[in-house]
Amino acid sequence: MSSISLQARNVTKSFTSGPIHNTVLHNLTLDIRAGELTLISGPSGCGKSTLLAILSGLQRPDAGQVLALGQDLAELNTHALERFRLQHTGFVFQGFNLFPALNALEQVELPLSYLGLPAGEARRRAMASLEEVGLGPRMGLRPSELSGGEKQRVAIARALAKEPGLLFADEPTSALDAANGQIIIDILHRIARTHGTTVLCVSHDPRLVGHADRVLAMEDGRILSDRVPSPTSTPTSGLEEPSA
């Protein structure tokens, strides 16, 4: 059985706006395993993105404990936490977050320079990651020359090139059509299996449910169910460009 790589213990988070105090997460406890694609599903406003932000160290809980790869995130100061995220985590967002002036290869190389990798190693990793997501022939193109699905694959390659233990995806398919969304789902699932990466995805996209190894359903800041979905057909390689 896969090892536990991400843990939350009695995590609570609230936000205050004027006289309104809103508890977004209610005393959540969960374990996430390496080598699996875990999906947190639920309606907008249920707290799933806040939970992702806390588990990834982007936000701190009001109460409770988060252990990531055995590290208690509460023990890290701001600088150490930023370094931990740089070295051990990758992020994929709904909006791609690409730089307009950089081509796909440069997009993927950029965060590797912050890790202090030699230029040759950074180039090798970036090219290998783009090949893995099926963009080898298009690595010289800028975002304006890429489709939405290709932009998201560049974002995944950028995260993958860091060789992270933890990969967090926030609504990675919601801006994509069905064909491109399927490609992204298949790639994330394959990364978990082949690299042993912990892939944690939050989404209300029902297409992800059948491809996740585990589905956590949230509502009103609580986990209502924790299940392994019924097997679906074997995911395709998903690297061919969908027809228009």
C-alpha atoms as a PDB file:
ATOM      1  CA  MET A   1       0.000   0.000   0.000  1.00  0.00           C
ATOM      2  CA  SER A   2       1.196   3.520  -0.807  1.00  0.00           C
ATOM      3  CA  SER A   3       2.663   5.605   1.989  1.00  0.00           C
ATOM      4  CA  ILE A   4       0.778   8.518   3.517  1.00  0.00           C
ATOM      5  CA  SER A   5       2.335  11.715   2.194  1.00  0.00           C
ATOM      6  CA  LEU A   6      -0.129  14.383   3.271  1.00  0.00           C
ATOM      7  CA  GLN A   7      -2.053  14.589   6.541  1.00  0.00           C
ATOM      8  CA  ALA A   8      -4.512  17.025   8.079  1.00  0.00           C
ATOM      9  CA  ARG A   9      -5.466  16.802  11.726  1.00  0.00           C
ATOM     10  CA  ASN A  10      -8.429  18.766  13.098  1.00  0.00           C
ATOM     11  CA  VAL A  11      -7.945  21.604  10.609  1.00  0.00           C
ATOM     12  CA  THR A  12     -10.223  24.619  11.034  1.00  0.00           C
ATOM     13  CA  LYS A  13     -10.270  27.827   8.994  1.00  0.00           C
ATOM     14  CA  SER A  14     -12.499  30.907   9.275  1.00  0.00           C
ATOM     15  CA  PHE A  15     -12.679  34.260   7.554  1.00  0.00           C
ATOM     16  CA  THR A  16     -14.055  37.504   8.956  1.00  0.00           C
ATOM     17  CA  SER A  17     -15.518  40.328   6.874  1.00  0.00           C
ATOM     18  CA  GLY A  18     -16.823  43.154   9.038  1.00  0.00           C
ATOM     19  CA  PRO A  19     -19.382  41.705  11.445  1.00  0.00           C
ATOM     20  CA  ILE A  20     -19.624  38.426   9.506  1.00  0.00           C
ATOM     21  CA  HIS A  21     -17.587  35.451  10.745  1.00  0.00           C
ATOM     22  CA  ASN A  22     -17.638  32.496   8.374  1.00  0.00           C
ATOM     23  CA  THR A  23     -16.115  29.130   9.259  1.00  0.00           C
ATOM     24  CA  VAL A  24     -14.987  27.580   5.964  1.00  0.00           C
ATOM     25  CA  LEU A  25     -13.420  24.365   7.286  1.00  0.00           C
ATOM     26  CA  HIS A  26     -14.753  22.506  10.306  1.00  0.00           C
ATOM     27  CA  ASN A  27     -12.239  20.349  12.183  1.00  0.00           C
ATOM     28  CA  LEU A  28     -11.135  18.299   9.147  1.00  0.00           C
ATOM     29  CA  THR A  29      -8.948  15.210   9.453  1.00  0.00           C
ATOM     30  CA  LEU A  30      -7.709  13.208   6.467  1.00  0.00           C
ATOM     31  CA  ASP A  31      -4.775  11.245   5.045  1.00  0.00           C
ATOM     32  CA  ILE A  32      -3.660  11.380   1.392  1.00  0.00           C
ATOM     33  CA  ARG A  33      -1.473   8.669  -0.140  1.00  0.00           C
ATOM     34  CA  ALA A  34       1.409   8.934  -2.578  1.00  0.00           C
ATOM     35  CA  GLY A  35       0.989   7.517  -6.062  1.00  0.00           C
ATOM     36  CA  GLU A  36      -2.724   8.296  -6.179  1.00  0.00           C
ATOM     37  CA  LEU A  37      -4.929  10.904  -7.813  1.00  0.00           C
ATOM     38  CA  THR A  38      -7.197  12.117  -5.022  1.00  0.00           C
ATOM     39  CA  LEU A  39     -10.144  14.302  -5.981  1.00  0.00           C
ATOM     40  CA  ILE A  40     -11.867  16.704  -3.614  1.00  0.00           C
ATOM     41  CA  SER A  41     -15.262  17.434  -5.123  1.00  0.00           C
ATOM     42  CA  GLY A  42     -18.138  19.631  -4.105  1.00  0.00           C
ATOM     43  CA  PRO A  43     -20.126  22.730  -5.039  1.00  0.00           C
ATOM     44  CA  SER A  44     -18.635  26.211  -5.234  1.00  0.00           C
ATOM     45  CA  GLY A  45     -18.088  27.678  -1.783  1.00  0.00           C
ATOM     46  CA  CYS A  46     -17.890  24.347   0.029  1.00  0.00           C
ATOM     47  CA  GLY A  47     -14.296  24.976   1.180  1.00  0.00           C
ATOM     48  CA  LYS A  48     -12.417  22.682  -1.194  1.00  0.00           C
ATOM     49  CA  SER A  49     -10.072  25.364  -2.588  1.00  0.00           C
ATOM     50  CA  THR A  50      -9.367  26.636   0.933  1.00  0.00           C
ATOM     51  CA  LEU A  51      -8.500  23.092   1.986  1.00  0.00           C
ATOM     52  CA  LEU A  52      -6.144  22.761  -0.995  1.00  0.00           C
ATOM     53  CA  ALA A  53      -4.470  26.054  -0.100  1.00  0.00           C
ATOM     54  CA  ILE A  54      -3.916  24.928   3.498  1.00  0.00           C
ATOM     55  CA  LEU A  55      -2.639  21.464   2.564  1.00  0.00           C
ATOM     56  CA  SER A  56      -0.199  23.028   0.103  1.00  0.00           C
ATOM     57  CA  GLY A  57       1.057  25.642   2.564  1.00  0.00           C
ATOM     58  CA  LEU A  58      -0.362  28.634   0.684  1.00  0.00           C
ATOM     59  CA  GLN A  59      -2.528  29.420   3.720  1.00  0.00           C
ATOM     60  CA  ARG A  60      -2.205  28.564   7.385  1.00  0.00           C
ATOM     61  CA  PRO A  61      -5.094  27.040   9.348  1.00  0.00           C
ATOM     62  CA  ASP A  62      -6.561  28.742  12.385  1.00  0.00           C
ATOM     63  CA  ALA A  63      -6.252  25.471  14.284  1.00  0.00           C
ATOM     64  CA  GLY A  64      -5.047  21.964  13.577  1.00  0.00           C
ATOM     65  CA  GLN A  65      -1.973  20.413  12.004  1.00  0.00           C
ATOM     66  CA  VAL A  66      -0.795  19.750   8.446  1.00  0.00           C
ATOM     67  CA  LEU A  67       2.007  17.263   7.742  1.00  0.00           C
ATOM     68  CA  ALA A  68       3.399  17.297   4.210  1.00  0.00           C
ATOM     69  CA  LEU A  69       6.001  14.637   3.341  1.00  0.00           C
ATOM     70  CA  GLY A  70       6.508  14.233   7.082  1.00  0.00           C
ATOM     71  CA  GLN A  71       7.110  17.948   7.662  1.00  0.00           C
ATOM     72  CA  ASP A  72       4.869  19.826  10.080  1.00  0.00           C
ATOM     73  CA  LEU A  73       4.153  23.007   8.103  1.00  0.00           C
ATOM     74  CA  ALA A  74       3.426  24.963  11.289  1.00  0.00           C
ATOM     75  CA  GLU A  75       7.080  24.561  12.294  1.00  0.00           C
ATOM     76  CA  LEU A  76       8.283  26.450   9.196  1.00  0.00           C
ATOM     77  CA  ASN A  77       8.628  30.220   9.104  1.00  0.00           C
ATOM     78  CA  THR A  78       7.582  32.104   5.975  1.00  0.00           C
ATOM     79  CA  HIS A  79      10.946  31.739   4.228  1.00  0.00           C
ATOM     80  CA  ALA A  80      11.283  28.039   5.055  1.00  0.00           C
ATOM     81  CA  LEU A  81       7.710  27.405   3.917  1.00  0.00           C
ATOM     82  CA  GLU A  82       8.371  29.118   0.582  1.00  0.00           C
ATOM     83  CA  ARG A  83      11.483  26.988   0.161  1.00  0.00           C
ATOM     84  CA  PHE A  84       9.540  23.822   0.977  1.00  0.00           C
ATOM     85  CA  ARG A  85       6.923  24.648  -1.649  1.00  0.00           C
ATOM     86  CA  LEU A  86       9.605  25.439  -4.221  1.00  0.00           C
ATOM     87  CA  GLN A  87      11.437  22.156  -3.658  1.00  0.00           C
ATOM     88  CA  HIS A  88       8.599  19.718  -3.051  1.00  0.00           C
ATOM     89  CA  THR A  89       5.357  20.985  -4.571  1.00  0.00           C
ATOM     90  CA  GLY A  90       3.930  21.735  -7.987  1.00  0.00           C
ATOM     91  CA  PHE A  91       0.778  23.714  -8.778  1.00  0.00           C
ATOM     92  CA  VAL A  92      -1.660  23.668 -11.678  1.00  0.00           C
ATOM     93  CA  PHE A  93      -4.405  26.299 -11.775  1.00  0.00           C
ATOM     94  CA  GLN A  94      -7.526  26.938 -13.812  1.00  0.00           C
ATOM     95  CA  GLY A  95      -6.025  30.032 -15.452  1.00  0.00           C
ATOM     96  CA  PHE A  96      -2.735  28.421 -16.635  1.00  0.00           C
ATOM     97  CA  ASN A  97      -0.580  31.320 -15.233  1.00  0.00           C
ATOM     98  CA  LEU A  98       1.761  31.446 -18.231  1.00  0.00           C
ATOM     99  CA  PHE A  99       3.976  34.375 -19.246  1.00  0.00           C
ATOM    100  CA  PRO A 100       2.930  35.782 -22.652  1.00  0.00           C
ATOM    101  CA  ALA A 101       6.494  36.527 -23.808  1.00  0.00           C
ATOM    102  CA  LEU A 102       7.956  33.084 -23.049  1.00  0.00           C
ATOM    103  CA  ASN A 103       7.682  29.984 -25.209  1.00  0.00           C
ATOM    104  CA  ALA A 104       6.642  26.649 -23.724  1.00  0.00           C
ATOM    105  CA  LEU A 105      10.213  25.512 -23.067  1.00  0.00           C
ATOM    106  CA  GLU A 106      11.099  28.758 -21.325  1.00  0.00           C
ATOM    107  CA  GLN A 107       7.918  28.564 -19.206  1.00  0.00           C
ATOM    108  CA  VAL A 108       8.995  25.189 -17.868  1.00  0.00           C
ATOM    109  CA  GLU A 109      12.652  26.142 -17.399  1.00  0.00           C
ATOM    110  CA  LEU A 110      11.911  29.280 -15.370  1.00  0.00           C
ATOM    111  CA  PRO A 111      11.066  27.719 -11.954  1.00  0.00           C
ATOM    112  CA  LEU A 112      13.978  25.300 -12.331  1.00  0.00           C
ATOM    113  CA  SER A 113      16.379  28.243 -12.296  1.00  0.00           C
ATOM    114  CA  TYR A 114      15.083  29.130  -8.809  1.00  0.00           C
ATOM    115  CA  LEU A 115      16.029  25.621  -7.670  1.00  0.00           C
ATOM    116  CA  GLY A 116      19.633  26.361  -8.601  1.00  0.00           C
ATOM    117  CA  LEU A 117      19.867  23.693 -11.297  1.00  0.00           C
ATOM    118  CA  PRO A 118      22.607  24.062 -13.914  1.00  0.00           C
ATOM    119  CA  ALA A 119      21.274  25.397 -17.210  1.00  0.00           C
ATOM    120  CA  GLY A 120      21.890  22.108 -18.992  1.00  0.00           C
ATOM    121  CA  GLU A 121      19.994  20.075 -16.399  1.00  0.00           C
ATOM    122  CA  ALA A 122      17.131  22.573 -16.384  1.00  0.00           C
ATOM    123  CA  ARG A 123      16.883  22.338 -20.173  1.00  0.00           C
ATOM    124  CA  ARG A 124      16.947  18.514 -20.063  1.00  0.00           C
ATOM    125  CA  ARG A 125      14.196  18.330 -17.452  1.00  0.00           C
ATOM    126  CA  ALA A 126      12.048  20.908 -19.215  1.00  0.00           C
ATOM    127  CA  MET A 127      12.278  19.121 -22.558  1.00  0.00           C
ATOM    128  CA  ALA A 128      11.555  15.731 -20.978  1.00  0.00           C
ATOM    129  CA  SER A 129       8.484  17.086 -19.171  1.00  0.00           C
ATOM    130  CA  LEU A 130       7.091  18.681 -22.311  1.00  0.00           C
ATOM    131  CA  GLU A 131       7.652  15.437 -24.188  1.00  0.00           C
ATOM    132  CA  GLU A 132       5.827  13.566 -21.438  1.00  0.00           C
ATOM    133  CA  VAL A 133       2.711  15.712 -21.843  1.00  0.00           C
ATOM    134  CA  GLY A 134       2.860  15.409 -25.633  1.00  0.00           C
ATOM    135  CA  LEU A 135       4.154  18.888 -26.458  1.00  0.00           C
ATOM    136  CA  GLY A 136       7.626  18.080 -27.713  1.00  0.00           C
ATOM    137  CA  PRO A 137       6.942  19.403 -31.235  1.00  0.00           C
ATOM    138  CA  ARG A 138       5.369  22.606 -29.873  1.00  0.00           C
ATOM    139  CA  MET A 139       7.828  23.607 -27.150  1.00  0.00           C
ATOM    140  CA  GLY A 140       8.993  26.629 -29.148  1.00  0.00           C
ATOM    141  CA  LEU A 141       5.524  28.223 -29.237  1.00  0.00           C
ATOM    142  CA  ARG A 142       4.231  31.042 -27.037  1.00  0.00           C
ATOM    143  CA  PRO A 143       0.877  30.937 -25.211  1.00  0.00           C
ATOM    144  CA  SER A 144      -0.872  32.953 -27.946  1.00  0.00           C
ATOM    145  CA  GLU A 145      -0.007  30.162 -30.383  1.00  0.00           C
ATOM    146  CA  LEU A 146      -1.324  27.349 -28.166  1.00  0.00           C
ATOM    147  CA  SER A 147      -4.836  26.047 -27.519  1.00  0.00           C
ATOM    148  CA  GLY A 148      -6.329  26.101 -24.031  1.00  0.00           C
ATOM    149  CA  GLY A 149      -5.598  22.421 -23.581  1.00  0.00           C
ATOM    150  CA  GLU A 150      -2.003  22.897 -24.677  1.00  0.00           C
ATOM    151  CA  LYS A 151      -1.556  25.804 -22.254  1.00  0.00           C
ATOM    152  CA  GLN A 152      -2.726  23.598 -19.408  1.00  0.00           C
ATOM    153  CA  ARG A 153      -0.317  20.868 -20.508  1.00  0.00           C
ATOM    154  CA  VAL A 154       2.519  23.421 -20.402  1.00  0.00           C
ATOM    155  CA  ALA A 155       1.451  24.285 -16.850  1.00  0.00           C
ATOM    156  CA  ILE A 156       1.506  20.604 -15.915  1.00  0.00           C
ATOM    157  CA  ALA A 157       4.943  20.166 -17.499  1.00  0.00           C
ATOM    158  CA  ARG A 158       6.191  23.181 -15.534  1.00  0.00           C
ATOM    159  CA  ALA A 159       5.074  21.547 -12.295  1.00  0.00           C
ATOM    160  CA  LEU A 160       6.298  18.085 -13.304  1.00  0.00           C
ATOM    161  CA  ALA A 161       9.806  19.267 -14.216  1.00  0.00           C
ATOM    162  CA  LYS A 162      10.460  20.122 -10.573  1.00  0.00           C
ATOM    163  CA  GLU A 163       9.967  16.416  -9.765  1.00  0.00           C
ATOM    164  CA  PRO A 164       7.662  17.312  -6.858  1.00  0.00           C
ATOM    165  CA  GLY A 165       6.458  14.898  -4.246  1.00  0.00           C
ATOM    166  CA  LEU A 166       3.162  16.783  -4.114  1.00  0.00           C
ATOM    167  CA  LEU A 167       1.199  18.081  -7.100  1.00  0.00           C
ATOM    168  CA  PHE A 168      -1.831  20.300  -6.428  1.00  0.00           C
ATOM    169  CA  ALA A 169      -4.397  21.065  -9.120  1.00  0.00           C
ATOM    170  CA  ASP A 170      -7.173  23.632  -8.598  1.00  0.00           C
ATOM    171  CA  GLU A 171     -10.016  23.261 -11.142  1.00  0.00           C
ATOM    172  CA  PRO A 172      -7.576  22.166 -13.899  1.00  0.00           C
ATOM    173  CA  THR A 173     -10.280  21.260 -16.446  1.00  0.00           C
ATOM    174  CA  SER A 174     -13.009  23.829 -15.855  1.00  0.00           C
ATOM    175  CA  ALA A 175     -11.809  26.167 -18.638  1.00  0.00           C
ATOM    176  CA  LEU A 176     -11.491  23.339 -21.185  1.00  0.00           C
ATOM    177  CA  ASP A 177     -13.820  21.509 -23.539  1.00  0.00           C
ATOM    178  CA  ALA A 178     -14.565  17.822 -23.056  1.00  0.00           C
ATOM    179  CA  ALA A 179     -11.767  16.493 -25.267  1.00  0.00           C
ATOM    180  CA  ASN A 180      -9.033  18.660 -23.756  1.00  0.00           C
ATOM    181  CA  GLY A 181     -10.385  18.098 -20.259  1.00  0.00           C
ATOM    182  CA  GLN A 182     -10.083  14.348 -20.783  1.00  0.00           C
ATOM    183  CA  ILE A 183      -6.454  14.740 -21.854  1.00  0.00           C
ATOM    184  CA  ILE A 184      -5.631  16.688 -18.688  1.00  0.00           C
ATOM    185  CA  ILE A 185      -7.343  14.122 -16.465  1.00  0.00           C
ATOM    186  CA  ASP A 186      -5.429  11.265 -18.082  1.00  0.00           C
ATOM    187  CA  ILE A 187      -2.091  13.086 -17.734  1.00  0.00           C
ATOM    188  CA  LEU A 188      -2.637  13.831 -14.032  1.00  0.00           C
ATOM    189  CA  HIS A 189      -3.629  10.227 -13.369  1.00  0.00           C
ATOM    190  CA  ARG A 190      -0.576   8.904 -15.198  1.00  0.00           C
ATOM    191  CA  ILE A 191       1.770  11.235 -13.291  1.00  0.00           C
ATOM    192  CA  ALA A 192       0.497   9.830  -9.994  1.00  0.00           C
ATOM    193  CA  ARG A 193       0.983   6.254 -11.128  1.00  0.00           C
ATOM    194  CA  THR A 194       4.312   6.479 -12.984  1.00  0.00           C
ATOM    195  CA  HIS A 195       6.120   8.981 -10.754  1.00  0.00           C
ATOM    196  CA  GLY A 196       4.627   7.995  -7.406  1.00  0.00           C
ATOM    197  CA  THR A 197       3.527  11.602  -6.985  1.00  0.00           C
ATOM    198  CA  THR A 198       0.749  12.627  -4.646  1.00  0.00           C
ATOM    199  CA  VAL A 199      -1.740  14.360  -6.954  1.00  0.00           C
ATOM    200  CA  LEU A 200      -4.481  16.256  -5.121  1.00  0.00           C
ATOM    201  CA  CYS A 201      -7.096  17.880  -7.301  1.00  0.00           C
ATOM    202  CA  VAL A 202     -10.088  20.011  -6.348  1.00  0.00           C
ATOM    203  CA  SER A 203     -12.876  20.280  -8.883  1.00  0.00           C
ATOM    204  CA  HIS A 204     -16.613  20.226  -9.381  1.00  0.00           C
ATOM    205  CA  ASP A 205     -16.061  18.647 -12.832  1.00  0.00           C
ATOM    206  CA  PRO A 206     -17.885  15.270 -12.832  1.00  0.00           C
ATOM    207  CA  ARG A 207     -15.520  13.977 -15.532  1.00  0.00           C
ATOM    208  CA  LEU A 208     -12.750  13.588 -12.977  1.00  0.00           C
ATOM    209  CA  VAL A 209     -14.685  11.301 -10.644  1.00  0.00           C
ATOM    210  CA  GLY A 210     -14.289   8.116 -12.656  1.00  0.00           C
ATOM    211  CA  HIS A 211     -10.552   8.662 -13.129  1.00  0.00           C
ATOM    212  CA  ALA A 212      -9.639   9.411  -9.530  1.00  0.00           C
ATOM    213  CA  ASP A 213      -8.261   6.741  -7.228  1.00  0.00           C
ATOM    214  CA  ARG A 214     -10.211   8.316  -4.387  1.00  0.00           C
ATOM    215  CA  VAL A 215     -12.992  10.885  -4.149  1.00  0.00           C
ATOM    216  CA  LEU A 216     -13.617  13.075  -1.116  1.00  0.00           C
ATOM    217  CA  ALA A 217     -16.979  14.843  -1.329  1.00  0.00           C
ATOM    218  CA  MET A 218     -17.205  18.125   0.579  1.00  0.00           C
ATOM    219  CA  GLU A 219     -20.107  20.311   1.595  1.00  0.00           C
ATOM    220  CA  ASP A 220     -20.210  23.273   3.982  1.00  0.00           C
ATOM    221  CA  GLY A 221     -16.609  22.800   5.065  1.00  0.00           C
ATOM    222  CA  ARG A 222     -16.945  19.138   5.973  1.00  0.00           C
ATOM    223  CA  ILE A 223     -16.081  15.869   4.244  1.00  0.00           C
ATOM    224  CA  LEU A 224     -19.330  14.021   3.686  1.00  0.00           C
ATOM    225  CA  SER A 225     -17.974  10.898   2.004  1.00  0.00           C
ATOM    226  CA  ASP A 226     -14.690   9.186   1.196  1.00  0.00           C
ATOM    227  CA  ARG A 227     -14.869   6.564  -1.522  1.00  0.00           C
ATOM    228  CA  VAL A 228     -13.030   4.712  -4.248  1.00  0.00           C
ATOM    229  CA  PRO A 229     -14.976   5.159  -7.502  1.00  0.00           C
ATOM    230  CA  SER A 230     -15.990   2.241  -9.685  1.00  0.00           C
ATOM    231  CA  PRO A 231     -13.335   1.330 -12.278  1.00  0.00           C
ATOM    232  CA  THR A 232     -13.691   2.916 -15.680  1.00  0.00           C
ATOM    233  CA  SER A 233     -12.083   2.055 -18.954  1.00  0.00           C
ATOM    234  CA  THR A 234      -8.299   2.332 -19.021  1.00  0.00           C
ATOM    235  CA  PRO A 235      -7.280   5.941 -19.647  1.00  0.00           C
ATOM    236  CA  THR A 236      -5.901   6.688 -23.093  1.00  0.00           C
ATOM    237  CA  SER A 237      -2.506   8.225 -23.579  1.00  0.00           C
ATOM    238  CA  GLY A 238      -4.433  11.440 -24.196  1.00  0.00           C
ATOM    239  CA  LEU A 239      -1.595  13.119 -26.050  1.00  0.00           C
ATOM    240  CA  GLU A 240      -3.072  13.428 -29.496  1.00  0.00           C
ATOM    241  CA  GLU A 241      -4.594  16.828 -30.251  1.00  0.00           C
ATOM    242  CA  PRO A 242      -8.392  16.634 -30.280  1.00  0.00           C
ATOM    243  CA  SER A 243     -10.137  17.495 -33.502  1.00  0.00           C
ATOM    244  CA  ALA A 244     -11.885  20.824 -33.754  1.00  0.00           C
END
